[in-house]
Amino acid sequence: MPRSTHTFARQTLDAAQVFGSQIAHARRERGWTAEELAERLGVTRRTISNLEHGSPTVSLGVAFEAATLLGISLFGATGPELAQLARHGRDTLALLPSRVRPSKAPVRDDF
């Protein structure tokens, strides 16, 4: 079965490129080969190559785990700060409705 194609927004592609560069930089600073990082993550060497080249199709879990192993902060936070951001996000979501229903009003896009 052929894979479906998806077009990513320019901002998504740019962010993936920046993140990939950070991964490659930190890996090289540590003196790790791509194979060593792949082994530590339990993925293939090709996945590391895709990640470092900014492929937006690498799984989020693999990307975040690589960042964690390499000491790259996520969302400008580390350790306890990141846990606090996660808690804050959950608390904020708890205040919002759990379901969003489509609006019955017609869309007015004739500006």
PDB file of N, CA and C in Angstrom:
ATOM      1  N   MET A   1       0.841  -1.172   0.000  1.00  0.00           N
ATOM      2  CA  MET A   1       0.000   0.000   0.000  1.00  0.00           C
ATOM      3  C   MET A   1       0.892   1.244   0.000  1.00  0.00           C
ATOM      4  N   PRO A   2       0.682   2.185  -0.921  1.00  0.00           N
ATOM      5  CA  PRO A   2       1.531   3.379  -0.973  1.00  0.00           C
ATOM      6  C   PRO A   2       1.285   4.289   0.222  1.00  0.00           C
ATOM      7  N   ARG A   3       2.343   4.934   0.648  1.00  0.00           N
ATOM      8  CA  ARG A   3       2.237   5.888   1.751  1.00  0.00           C
ATOM      9  C   ARG A   3       1.520   7.142   1.266  1.00  0.00           C
ATOM     10  N   SER A   4       0.735   7.721   2.138  1.00  0.00           N
ATOM     11  CA  SER A   4       0.097   8.977   1.775  1.00  0.00           C
ATOM     12  C   SER A   4       1.123  10.099   1.907  1.00  0.00           C
ATOM     13  N   THR A   5       1.014  11.062   1.048  1.00  0.00           N
ATOM     14  CA  THR A   5       1.945  12.183   1.115  1.00  0.00           C
ATOM     15  C   THR A   5       1.296  13.319   1.890  1.00  0.00           C
ATOM     16  N   HIS A   6       2.117  14.048   2.562  1.00  0.00           N
ATOM     17  CA  HIS A   6       1.634  15.175   3.354  1.00  0.00           C
ATOM     18  C   HIS A   6       2.562  16.353   3.099  1.00  0.00           C
ATOM     19  N   THR A   7       1.990  17.483   2.861  1.00  0.00           N
ATOM     20  CA  THR A   7       2.779  18.694   2.672  1.00  0.00           C
ATOM     21  C   THR A   7       2.866  19.416   4.013  1.00  0.00           C
ATOM     22  N   PHE A   8       4.086  19.690   4.438  1.00  0.00           N
ATOM     23  CA  PHE A   8       4.295  20.368   5.709  1.00  0.00           C
ATOM     24  C   PHE A   8       4.457  21.864   5.491  1.00  0.00           C
ATOM     25  N   ALA A   9       4.002  22.642   6.462  1.00  0.00           N
ATOM     26  CA  ALA A   9       4.139  24.098   6.416  1.00  0.00           C
ATOM     27  C   ALA A   9       5.619  24.473   6.497  1.00  0.00           C
ATOM     28  N   ARG A  10       5.974  25.584   5.918  1.00  0.00           N
ATOM     29  CA  ARG A  10       7.359  26.064   5.922  1.00  0.00           C
ATOM     30  C   ARG A  10       7.894  26.167   7.350  1.00  0.00           C
ATOM     31  N   GLN A  11       7.078  26.664   8.268  1.00  0.00           N
ATOM     32  CA  GLN A  11       7.503  26.814   9.666  1.00  0.00           C
ATOM     33  C   GLN A  11       7.818  25.450  10.286  1.00  0.00           C
ATOM     34  N   THR A  12       7.048  24.435   9.948  1.00  0.00           N
ATOM     35  CA  THR A  12       7.300  23.081  10.445  1.00  0.00           C
ATOM     36  C   THR A  12       8.638  22.574   9.923  1.00  0.00           C
ATOM     37  N   LEU A  13       8.876  22.760   8.639  1.00  0.00           N
ATOM     38  CA  LEU A  13      10.127  22.310   8.034  1.00  0.00           C
ATOM     39  C   LEU A  13      11.326  23.045   8.619  1.00  0.00           C
ATOM     40  N   ASP A  14      11.174  24.347   8.829  1.00  0.00           N
ATOM     41  CA  ASP A  14      12.265  25.133   9.422  1.00  0.00           C
ATOM     42  C   ASP A  14      12.553  24.673  10.851  1.00  0.00           C
ATOM     43  N   ALA A  15      11.503  24.431  11.627  1.00  0.00           N
ATOM     44  CA  ALA A  15      11.682  23.983  13.013  1.00  0.00           C
ATOM     45  C   ALA A  15      12.374  22.620  13.051  1.00  0.00           C
ATOM     46  N   ALA A  16      11.985  21.723  12.152  1.00  0.00           N
ATOM     47  CA  ALA A  16      12.616  20.401  12.091  1.00  0.00           C
ATOM     48  C   ALA A  16      14.092  20.527  11.725  1.00  0.00           C
ATOM     49  N   GLN A  17      14.418  21.463  10.843  1.00  0.00           N
ATOM     50  CA  GLN A  17      15.811  21.692  10.457  1.00  0.00           C
ATOM     51  C   GLN A  17      16.626  22.220  11.646  1.00  0.00           C
ATOM     52  N   VAL A  18      16.068  23.170  12.360  1.00  0.00           N
ATOM     53  CA  VAL A  18      16.760  23.730  13.530  1.00  0.00           C
ATOM     54  C   VAL A  18      16.984  22.633  14.570  1.00  0.00           C
ATOM     55  N   PHE A  19      15.950  21.860  14.848  1.00  0.00           N
ATOM     56  CA  PHE A  19      16.049  20.791  15.836  1.00  0.00           C
ATOM     57  C   PHE A  19      17.085  19.753  15.395  1.00  0.00           C
ATOM     58  N   GLY A  20      17.053  19.380  14.131  1.00  0.00           N
ATOM     59  CA  GLY A  20      18.009  18.415  13.601  1.00  0.00           C
ATOM     60  C   GLY A  20      19.444  18.898  13.736  1.00  0.00           C
ATOM     61  N   SER A  21      19.653  20.183  13.474  1.00  0.00           N
ATOM     62  CA  SER A  21      20.989  20.763  13.624  1.00  0.00           C
ATOM     63  C   SER A  21      21.455  20.718  15.076  1.00  0.00           C
ATOM     64  N   GLN A  22      20.535  20.980  15.996  1.00  0.00           N
ATOM     65  CA  GLN A  22      20.883  20.913  17.417  1.00  0.00           C
ATOM     66  C   GLN A  22      21.268  19.493  17.818  1.00  0.00           C
ATOM     67  N   ILE A  23      20.532  18.509  17.292  1.00  0.00           N
ATOM     68  CA  ILE A  23      20.833  17.108  17.592  1.00  0.00           C
ATOM     69  C   ILE A  23      22.221  16.747  17.053  1.00  0.00           C
ATOM     70  N   ALA A  24      22.477  17.086  15.788  1.00  0.00           N
ATOM     71  CA  ALA A  24      23.764  16.761  15.162  1.00  0.00           C
ATOM     72  C   ALA A  24      24.923  17.436  15.904  1.00  0.00           C
ATOM     73  N   HIS A  25      24.730  18.704  16.271  1.00  0.00           N
ATOM     74  CA  HIS A  25      25.765  19.451  16.976  1.00  0.00           C
ATOM     75  C   HIS A  25      26.077  18.810  18.329  1.00  0.00           C
ATOM     76  N   ALA A  26      25.040  18.519  19.098  1.00  0.00           N
ATOM     77  CA  ALA A  26      25.247  17.935  20.429  1.00  0.00           C
ATOM     78  C   ALA A  26      25.868  16.543  20.334  1.00  0.00           C
ATOM     79  N   ARG A  27      25.444  15.762  19.348  1.00  0.00           N
ATOM     80  CA  ARG A  27      26.009  14.416  19.170  1.00  0.00           C
ATOM     81  C   ARG A  27      27.501  14.501  18.867  1.00  0.00           C
ATOM     82  N   ARG A  28      27.865  15.392  17.969  1.00  0.00           N
ATOM     83  CA  ARG A  28      29.274  15.529  17.594  1.00  0.00           C
ATOM     84  C   ARG A  28      30.109  16.080  18.748  1.00  0.00           C
ATOM     85  N   GLU A  29      29.531  17.018  19.515  1.00  0.00           N
ATOM     86  CA  GLU A  29      30.255  17.538  20.687  1.00  0.00           C
ATOM     87  C   GLU A  29      30.539  16.437  21.703  1.00  0.00           C
ATOM     88  N   ARG A  30      29.628  15.506  21.838  1.00  0.00           N
ATOM     89  CA  ARG A  30      29.810  14.389  22.760  1.00  0.00           C
ATOM     90  C   ARG A  30      30.777  13.342  22.196  1.00  0.00           C
ATOM     91  N   GLY A  31      31.075  13.437  20.915  1.00  0.00           N
ATOM     92  CA  GLY A  31      31.967  12.472  20.285  1.00  0.00           C
ATOM     93  C   GLY A  31      31.295  11.156  19.950  1.00  0.00           C
ATOM     94  N   TRP A  32      29.967  11.178  19.835  1.00  0.00           N
ATOM     95  CA  TRP A  32      29.219   9.976  19.502  1.00  0.00           C
ATOM     96  C   TRP A  32      29.050   9.882  17.990  1.00  0.00           C
ATOM     97  N   THR A  33      29.120   8.677  17.466  1.00  0.00           N
ATOM     98  CA  THR A  33      28.781   8.467  16.067  1.00  0.00           C
ATOM     99  C   THR A  33      27.254   8.379  15.961  1.00  0.00           C
ATOM    100  N   ALA A  34      26.766   8.520  14.752  1.00  0.00           N
ATOM    101  CA  ALA A  34      25.328   8.371  14.530  1.00  0.00           C
ATOM    102  C   ALA A  34      24.887   6.953  14.901  1.00  0.00           C
ATOM    103  N   GLU A  35      25.747   5.983  14.640  1.00  0.00           N
ATOM    104  CA  GLU A  35      25.435   4.596  14.992  1.00  0.00           C
ATOM    105  C   GLU A  35      25.295   4.429  16.501  1.00  0.00           C
ATOM    106  N   GLU A  36      26.175   5.099  17.256  1.00  0.00           N
ATOM    107  CA  GLU A  36      26.101   5.010  18.722  1.00  0.00           C
ATOM    108  C   GLU A  36      24.804   5.627  19.238  1.00  0.00           C
ATOM    109  N   LEU A  37      24.435   6.778  18.707  1.00  0.00           N
ATOM    110  CA  LEU A  37      23.181   7.397  19.134  1.00  0.00           C
ATOM    111  C   LEU A  37      21.999   6.511  18.761  1.00  0.00           C
ATOM    112  N   ALA A  38      22.027   5.955  17.557  1.00  0.00           N
ATOM    113  CA  ALA A  38      20.949   5.063  17.118  1.00  0.00           C
ATOM    114  C   ALA A  38      20.807   3.879  18.067  1.00  0.00           C
ATOM    115  N   GLU A  39      21.942   3.297  18.454  1.00  0.00           N
ATOM    116  CA  GLU A  39      21.919   2.146  19.367  1.00  0.00           C
ATOM    117  C   GLU A  39      21.331   2.537  20.714  1.00  0.00           C
ATOM    118  N   ARG A  40      21.722   3.681  21.232  1.00  0.00           N
ATOM    119  CA  ARG A  40      21.205   4.138  22.530  1.00  0.00           C
ATOM    120  C   ARG A  40      19.700   4.387  22.479  1.00  0.00           C
ATOM    121  N   LEU A  41      19.216   4.808  21.309  1.00  0.00           N
ATOM    122  CA  LEU A  41      17.789   5.101  21.151  1.00  0.00           C
ATOM    123  C   LEU A  41      16.985   3.883  20.710  1.00  0.00           C
ATOM    124  N   GLY A  42      17.674   2.848  20.249  1.00  0.00           N
ATOM    125  CA  GLY A  42      16.972   1.665  19.761  1.00  0.00           C
ATOM    126  C   GLY A  42      16.323   1.889  18.404  1.00  0.00           C
ATOM    127  N   VAL A  43      16.982   2.712  17.569  1.00  0.00           N
ATOM    128  CA  VAL A  43      16.473   2.994  16.229  1.00  0.00           C
ATOM    129  C   VAL A  43      17.581   2.716  15.219  1.00  0.00           C
ATOM    130  N   THR A  44      17.271   2.881  13.953  1.00  0.00           N
ATOM    131  CA  THR A  44      18.265   2.656  12.912  1.00  0.00           C
ATOM    132  C   THR A  44      19.127   3.896  12.693  1.00  0.00           C
ATOM    133  N   ARG A  45      20.261   3.673  12.071  1.00  0.00           N
ATOM    134  CA  ARG A  45      21.154   4.768  11.684  1.00  0.00           C
ATOM    135  C   ARG A  45      20.417   5.721  10.744  1.00  0.00           C
ATOM    136  N   ARG A  46      19.554   5.191   9.885  1.00  0.00           N
ATOM    137  CA  ARG A  46      18.778   6.001   8.935  1.00  0.00           C
ATOM    138  C   ARG A  46      17.846   6.971   9.680  1.00  0.00           C
ATOM    139  N   THR A  47      17.265   6.521  10.787  1.00  0.00           N
ATOM    140  CA  THR A  47      16.393   7.395  11.578  1.00  0.00           C
ATOM    141  C   THR A  47      17.180   8.582  12.116  1.00  0.00           C
ATOM    142  N   ILE A  48      18.403   8.335  12.579  1.00  0.00           N
ATOM    143  CA  ILE A  48      19.249   9.425  13.080  1.00  0.00           C
ATOM    144  C   ILE A  48      19.573  10.383  11.939  1.00  0.00           C
ATOM    145  N   SER A  49      19.889   9.851  10.782  1.00  0.00           N
ATOM    146  CA  SER A  49      20.166  10.691   9.620  1.00  0.00           C
ATOM    147  C   SER A  49      18.958  11.557   9.282  1.00  0.00           C
ATOM    148  N   ASN A  50      17.780  10.946   9.271  1.00  0.00           N
ATOM    149  CA  ASN A  50      16.555  11.710   8.989  1.00  0.00           C
ATOM    150  C   ASN A  50      16.330  12.799  10.030  1.00  0.00           C
ATOM    151  N   LEU A  51      16.530  12.457  11.289  1.00  0.00           N
ATOM    152  CA  LEU A  51      16.359  13.424  12.371  1.00  0.00           C
ATOM    153  C   LEU A  51      17.313  14.597  12.205  1.00  0.00           C
ATOM    154  N   GLU A  52      18.582  14.300  11.980  1.00  0.00           N
ATOM    155  CA  GLU A  52      19.590  15.353  11.874  1.00  0.00           C
ATOM    156  C   GLU A  52      19.439  16.196  10.602  1.00  0.00           C
ATOM    157  N   HIS A  53      18.817  15.635   9.585  1.00  0.00           N
ATOM    158  CA  HIS A  53      18.591  16.390   8.354  1.00  0.00           C
ATOM    159  C   HIS A  53      17.250  17.111   8.358  1.00  0.00           C
ATOM    160  N   GLY A  54      16.532  17.057   9.469  1.00  0.00           N
ATOM    161  CA  GLY A  54      15.311  17.832   9.614  1.00  0.00           C
ATOM    162  C   GLY A  54      14.075  17.218   9.004  1.00  0.00           C
ATOM    163  N   SER A  55      14.030  15.898   8.911  1.00  0.00           N
ATOM    164  CA  SER A  55      12.827  15.251   8.396  1.00  0.00           C
ATOM    165  C   SER A  55      11.698  15.396   9.419  1.00  0.00           C
ATOM    166  N   PRO A  56      10.558  15.942   9.007  1.00  0.00           N
ATOM    167  CA  PRO A  56       9.451  16.110   9.948  1.00  0.00           C
ATOM    168  C   PRO A  56       8.684  14.813  10.203  1.00  0.00           C
ATOM    169  N   THR A  57       9.119  13.709   9.599  1.00  0.00           N
ATOM    170  CA  THR A  57       8.396  12.452   9.786  1.00  0.00           C
ATOM    171  C   THR A  57       8.978  11.571  10.885  1.00  0.00           C
ATOM    172  N   VAL A  58      10.094  11.972  11.482  1.00  0.00           N
ATOM    173  CA  VAL A  58      10.665  11.209  12.604  1.00  0.00           C
ATOM    174  C   VAL A  58       9.710  11.349  13.787  1.00  0.00           C
ATOM    175  N   SER A  59       9.483  10.234  14.487  1.00  0.00           N
ATOM    176  CA  SER A  59       8.502  10.276  15.579  1.00  0.00           C
ATOM    177  C   SER A  59       8.922  11.266  16.668  1.00  0.00           C
ATOM    178  N   LEU A  60       7.935  11.876  17.247  1.00  0.00           N
ATOM    179  CA  LEU A  60       8.160  12.868  18.295  1.00  0.00           C
ATOM    180  C   LEU A  60       8.878  12.248  19.489  1.00  0.00           C
ATOM    181  N   GLY A  61       8.504  11.032  19.852  1.00  0.00           N
ATOM    182  CA  GLY A  61       9.148  10.357  20.985  1.00  0.00           C
ATOM    183  C   GLY A  61      10.625  10.130  20.757  1.00  0.00           C
ATOM    184  N   VAL A  62      10.982   9.688  19.549  1.00  0.00           N
ATOM    185  CA  VAL A  62      12.396   9.465  19.222  1.00  0.00           C
ATOM    186  C   VAL A  62      13.154  10.794  19.252  1.00  0.00           C
ATOM    187  N   ALA A  63      12.561  11.827  18.675  1.00  0.00           N
ATOM    188  CA  ALA A  63      13.220  13.137  18.641  1.00  0.00           C
ATOM    189  C   ALA A  63      13.441  13.682  20.051  1.00  0.00           C
ATOM    190  N   PHE A  64      12.426  13.602  20.900  1.00  0.00           N
ATOM    191  CA  PHE A  64      12.557  14.104  22.265  1.00  0.00           C
ATOM    192  C   PHE A  64      13.533  13.255  23.080  1.00  0.00           C
ATOM    193  N   GLU A  65      13.526  11.942  22.867  1.00  0.00           N
ATOM    194  CA  GLU A  65      14.457  11.077  23.591  1.00  0.00           C
ATOM    195  C   GLU A  65      15.892  11.389  23.190  1.00  0.00           C
ATOM    196  N   ALA A  66      16.116  11.637  21.897  1.00  0.00           N
ATOM    197  CA  ALA A  66      17.455  12.016  21.438  1.00  0.00           C
ATOM    198  C   ALA A  66      17.893  13.306  22.119  1.00  0.00           C
ATOM    199  N   ALA A  67      17.012  14.275  22.172  1.00  0.00           N
ATOM    200  CA  ALA A  67      17.335  15.546  22.821  1.00  0.00           C
ATOM    201  C   ALA A  67      17.671  15.330  24.296  1.00  0.00           C
ATOM    202  N   THR A  68      16.905  14.505  24.950  1.00  0.00           N
ATOM    203  CA  THR A  68      17.145  14.230  26.370  1.00  0.00           C
ATOM    204  C   THR A  68      18.503  13.569  26.578  1.00  0.00           C
ATOM    205  N   LEU A  69      18.809  12.559  25.762  1.00  0.00           N
ATOM    206  CA  LEU A  69      20.103  11.870  25.879  1.00  0.00           C
ATOM    207  C   LEU A  69      21.273  12.817  25.634  1.00  0.00           C
ATOM    208  N   LEU A  70      21.064  13.781  24.740  1.00  0.00           N
ATOM    209  CA  LEU A  70      22.143  14.696  24.368  1.00  0.00           C
ATOM    210  C   LEU A  70      22.176  15.972  25.215  1.00  0.00           C
ATOM    211  N   GLY A  71      21.245  16.088  26.166  1.00  0.00           N
ATOM    212  CA  GLY A  71      21.240  17.251  27.060  1.00  0.00           C
ATOM    213  C   GLY A  71      20.690  18.516  26.430  1.00  0.00           C
ATOM    214  N   ILE A  72      19.850  18.373  25.425  1.00  0.00           N
ATOM    215  CA  ILE A  72      19.237  19.535  24.767  1.00  0.00           C
ATOM    216  C   ILE A  72      17.944  19.863  25.491  1.00  0.00           C
ATOM    217  N   SER A  73      17.782  21.108  25.909  1.00  0.00           N
ATOM    218  CA  SER A  73      16.554  21.475  26.610  1.00  0.00           C
ATOM    219  C   SER A  73      15.391  21.502  25.623  1.00  0.00           C
ATOM    220  N   LEU A  74      14.238  21.109  26.129  1.00  0.00           N
ATOM    221  CA  LEU A  74      13.019  21.124  25.323  1.00  0.00           C
ATOM    222  C   LEU A  74      12.122  22.243  25.832  1.00  0.00           C
ATOM    223  N   PHE A  75      11.645  23.059  24.928  1.00  0.00           N
ATOM    224  CA  PHE A  75      10.766  24.180  25.256  1.00  0.00           C
ATOM    225  C   PHE A  75      11.426  25.166  26.218  1.00  0.00           C
ATOM    226  N   GLY A  76      12.748  25.256  26.124  1.00  0.00           N
ATOM    227  CA  GLY A  76      13.483  26.199  26.945  1.00  0.00           C
ATOM    228  C   GLY A  76      13.526  25.823  28.413  1.00  0.00           C
ATOM    229  N   ALA A  77      13.249  24.565  28.713  1.00  0.00           N
ATOM    230  CA  ALA A  77      13.216  24.137  30.105  1.00  0.00           C
ATOM    231  C   ALA A  77      13.954  22.806  30.240  1.00  0.00           C
ATOM    232  N   THR A  78      14.388  22.522  31.453  1.00  0.00           N
ATOM    233  CA  THR A  78      15.040  21.247  31.724  1.00  0.00           C
ATOM    234  C   THR A  78      14.470  20.653  33.001  1.00  0.00           C
ATOM    235  N   GLY A  79      14.566  19.347  33.135  1.00  0.00           N
ATOM    236  CA  GLY A  79      14.190  18.624  34.349  1.00  0.00           C
ATOM    237  C   GLY A  79      12.929  19.104  35.022  1.00  0.00           C
ATOM    238  N   PRO A  80      13.067  19.629  36.247  1.00  0.00           N
ATOM    239  CA  PRO A  80      11.896  20.050  37.019  1.00  0.00           C
ATOM    240  C   PRO A  80      11.091  21.152  36.325  1.00  0.00           C
ATOM    241  N   GLU A  81      11.772  22.031  35.592  1.00  0.00           N
ATOM    242  CA  GLU A  81      11.054  23.097  34.881  1.00  0.00           C
ATOM    243  C   GLU A  81      10.128  22.511  33.828  1.00  0.00           C
ATOM    244  N   LEU A  82      10.595  21.488  33.131  1.00  0.00           N
ATOM    245  CA  LEU A  82       9.791  20.841  32.097  1.00  0.00           C
ATOM    246  C   LEU A  82       8.597  20.126  32.731  1.00  0.00           C
ATOM    247  N   ALA A  83       8.827  19.487  33.866  1.00  0.00           N
ATOM    248  CA  ALA A  83       7.725  18.831  34.580  1.00  0.00           C
ATOM    249  C   ALA A  83       6.690  19.862  35.023  1.00  0.00           C
ATOM    250  N   GLN A  84       7.152  21.025  35.446  1.00  0.00           N
ATOM    251  CA  GLN A  84       6.242  22.094  35.867  1.00  0.00           C
ATOM    252  C   GLN A  84       5.438  22.608  34.665  1.00  0.00           C
ATOM    253  N   LEU A  85       6.080  22.746  33.502  1.00  0.00           N
ATOM    254  CA  LEU A  85       5.354  23.157  32.291  1.00  0.00           C
ATOM    255  C   LEU A  85       4.292  22.128  31.915  1.00  0.00           C
ATOM    256  N   ALA A  86       4.627  20.853  32.048  1.00  0.00           N
ATOM    257  CA  ALA A  86       3.667  19.790  31.734  1.00  0.00           C
ATOM    258  C   ALA A  86       2.465  19.857  32.677  1.00  0.00           C
ATOM    259  N   ARG A  87       2.733  20.054  33.971  1.00  0.00           N
ATOM    260  CA  ARG A  87       1.656  20.185  34.959  1.00  0.00           C
ATOM    261  C   ARG A  87       0.774  21.379  34.644  1.00  0.00           C
ATOM    262  N   HIS A  88       1.407  22.492  34.312  1.00  0.00           N
ATOM    263  CA  HIS A  88       0.654  23.708  33.988  1.00  0.00           C
ATOM    264  C   HIS A  88      -0.246  23.473  32.769  1.00  0.00           C
ATOM    265  N   GLY A  89       0.292  22.785  31.761  1.00  0.00           N
ATOM    266  CA  GLY A  89      -0.504  22.474  30.576  1.00  0.00           C
ATOM    267  C   GLY A  89      -1.709  21.618  30.910  1.00  0.00           C
ATOM    268  N   ARG A  90      -1.498  20.588  31.737  1.00  0.00           N
ATOM    269  CA  ARG A  90      -2.612  19.720  32.149  1.00  0.00           C
ATOM    270  C   ARG A  90      -3.644  20.506  32.949  1.00  0.00           C
ATOM    271  N   ASP A  91      -3.185  21.365  33.858  1.00  0.00           N
ATOM    272  CA  ASP A  91      -4.103  22.171  34.670  1.00  0.00           C
ATOM    273  C   ASP A  91      -4.923  23.117  33.797  1.00  0.00           C
ATOM    274  N   THR A  92      -4.281  23.716  32.801  1.00  0.00           N
ATOM    275  CA  THR A  92      -4.979  24.626  31.900  1.00  0.00           C
ATOM    276  C   THR A  92      -6.022  23.873  31.088  1.00  0.00           C
ATOM    277  N   LEU A  93      -5.647  22.714  30.569  1.00  0.00           N
ATOM    278  CA  LEU A  93      -6.601  21.911  29.786  1.00  0.00           C
ATOM    279  C   LEU A  93      -7.789  21.462  30.632  1.00  0.00           C
ATOM    280  N   ALA A  94      -7.570  21.233  31.919  1.00  0.00           N
ATOM    281  CA  ALA A  94      -8.646  20.802  32.804  1.00  0.00           C
ATOM    282  C   ALA A  94      -9.719  21.882  32.937  1.00  0.00           C
ATOM    283  N   LEU A  95      -9.370  23.131  32.681  1.00  0.00           N
ATOM    284  CA  LEU A  95     -10.319  24.233  32.781  1.00  0.00           C
ATOM    285  C   LEU A  95     -11.162  24.404  31.512  1.00  0.00           C
ATOM    286  N   LEU A  96     -10.741  23.766  30.443  1.00  0.00           N
ATOM    287  CA  LEU A  96     -11.438  23.892  29.165  1.00  0.00           C
ATOM    288  C   LEU A  96     -12.377  22.716  28.947  1.00  0.00           C
ATOM    289  N   PRO A  97     -13.393  22.904  28.093  1.00  0.00           N
ATOM    290  CA  PRO A  97     -14.287  21.775  27.801  1.00  0.00           C
ATOM    291  C   PRO A  97     -13.494  20.613  27.212  1.00  0.00           C
ATOM    292  N   SER A  98     -13.878  19.385  27.553  1.00  0.00           N
ATOM    293  CA  SER A  98     -13.153  18.220  27.047  1.00  0.00           C
ATOM    294  C   SER A  98     -13.524  17.903  25.602  1.00  0.00           C
ATOM    295  N   ARG A  99     -14.659  18.392  25.143  1.00  0.00           N
ATOM    296  CA  ARG A  99     -15.072  18.168  23.760  1.00  0.00           C
ATOM    297  C   ARG A  99     -15.365  19.502  23.091  1.00  0.00           C
ATOM    298  N   VAL A 100     -15.040  19.559  21.831  1.00  0.00           N
ATOM    299  CA  VAL A 100     -15.347  20.745  21.041  1.00  0.00           C
ATOM    300  C   VAL A 100     -16.303  20.303  19.949  1.00  0.00           C
ATOM    301  N   ARG A 101     -17.448  20.933  19.903  1.00  0.00           N
ATOM    302  CA  ARG A 101     -18.447  20.575  18.897  1.00  0.00           C
ATOM    303  C   ARG A 101     -18.411  21.599  17.781  1.00  0.00           C
ATOM    304  N   PRO A 102     -18.693  21.147  16.568  1.00  0.00           N
ATOM    305  CA  PRO A 102     -18.692  22.090  15.448  1.00  0.00           C
ATOM    306  C   PRO A 102     -19.769  23.158  15.625  1.00  0.00           C
ATOM    307  N   SER A 103     -19.452  24.351  15.175  1.00  0.00           N
ATOM    308  CA  SER A 103     -20.397  25.454  15.255  1.00  0.00           C
ATOM    309  C   SER A 103     -21.507  25.247  14.238  1.00  0.00           C
ATOM    310  N   LYS A 104     -22.727  25.606  14.622  1.00  0.00           N
ATOM    311  CA  LYS A 104     -23.858  25.487  13.695  1.00  0.00           C
ATOM    312  C   LYS A 104     -24.023  26.747  12.858  1.00  0.00           C
ATOM    313  N   ALA A 105     -23.324  27.795  13.245  1.00  0.00           N
ATOM    314  CA  ALA A 105     -23.423  29.049  12.491  1.00  0.00           C
ATOM    315  C   ALA A 105     -22.652  28.898  11.183  1.00  0.00           C
ATOM    316  N   PRO A 106     -23.161  29.460  10.112  1.00  0.00           N
ATOM    317  CA  PRO A 106     -22.437  29.367   8.839  1.00  0.00           C
ATOM    318  C   PRO A 106     -21.126  30.152   8.897  1.00  0.00           C
ATOM    319  N   VAL A 107     -20.146  29.638   8.188  1.00  0.00           N
ATOM    320  CA  VAL A 107     -18.852  30.290   8.138  1.00  0.00           C
ATOM    321  C   VAL A 107     -18.967  31.503   7.219  1.00  0.00           C
ATOM    322  N   ARG A 108     -18.517  32.659   7.727  1.00  0.00           N
ATOM    323  CA  ARG A 108     -18.529  33.887   6.915  1.00  0.00           C
ATOM    324  C   ARG A 108     -17.098  34.208   6.521  1.00  0.00           C
ATOM    325  N   ASP A 109     -16.762  33.910   5.294  1.00  0.00           N
ATOM    326  CA  ASP A 109     -15.405  34.148   4.827  1.00  0.00           C
ATOM    327  C   ASP A 109     -15.375  35.112   3.648  1.00  0.00           C
ATOM    328  N   ASP A 110     -16.341  36.029   3.625  1.00  0.00           N
ATOM    329  CA  ASP A 110     -16.436  36.986   2.514  1.00  0.00           C
ATOM    330  C   ASP A 110     -15.973  38.378   2.931  1.00  0.00           C
ATOM    331  N   PHE A 111     -14.786  38.448   3.507  1.00  0.00           N
ATOM    332  CA  PHE A 111     -14.314  39.745   3.964  1.00  0.00           C
ATOM    333  C   PHE A 111     -13.743  40.471   2.817  1.00  0.00           C
TER     334      PHE A 111
END
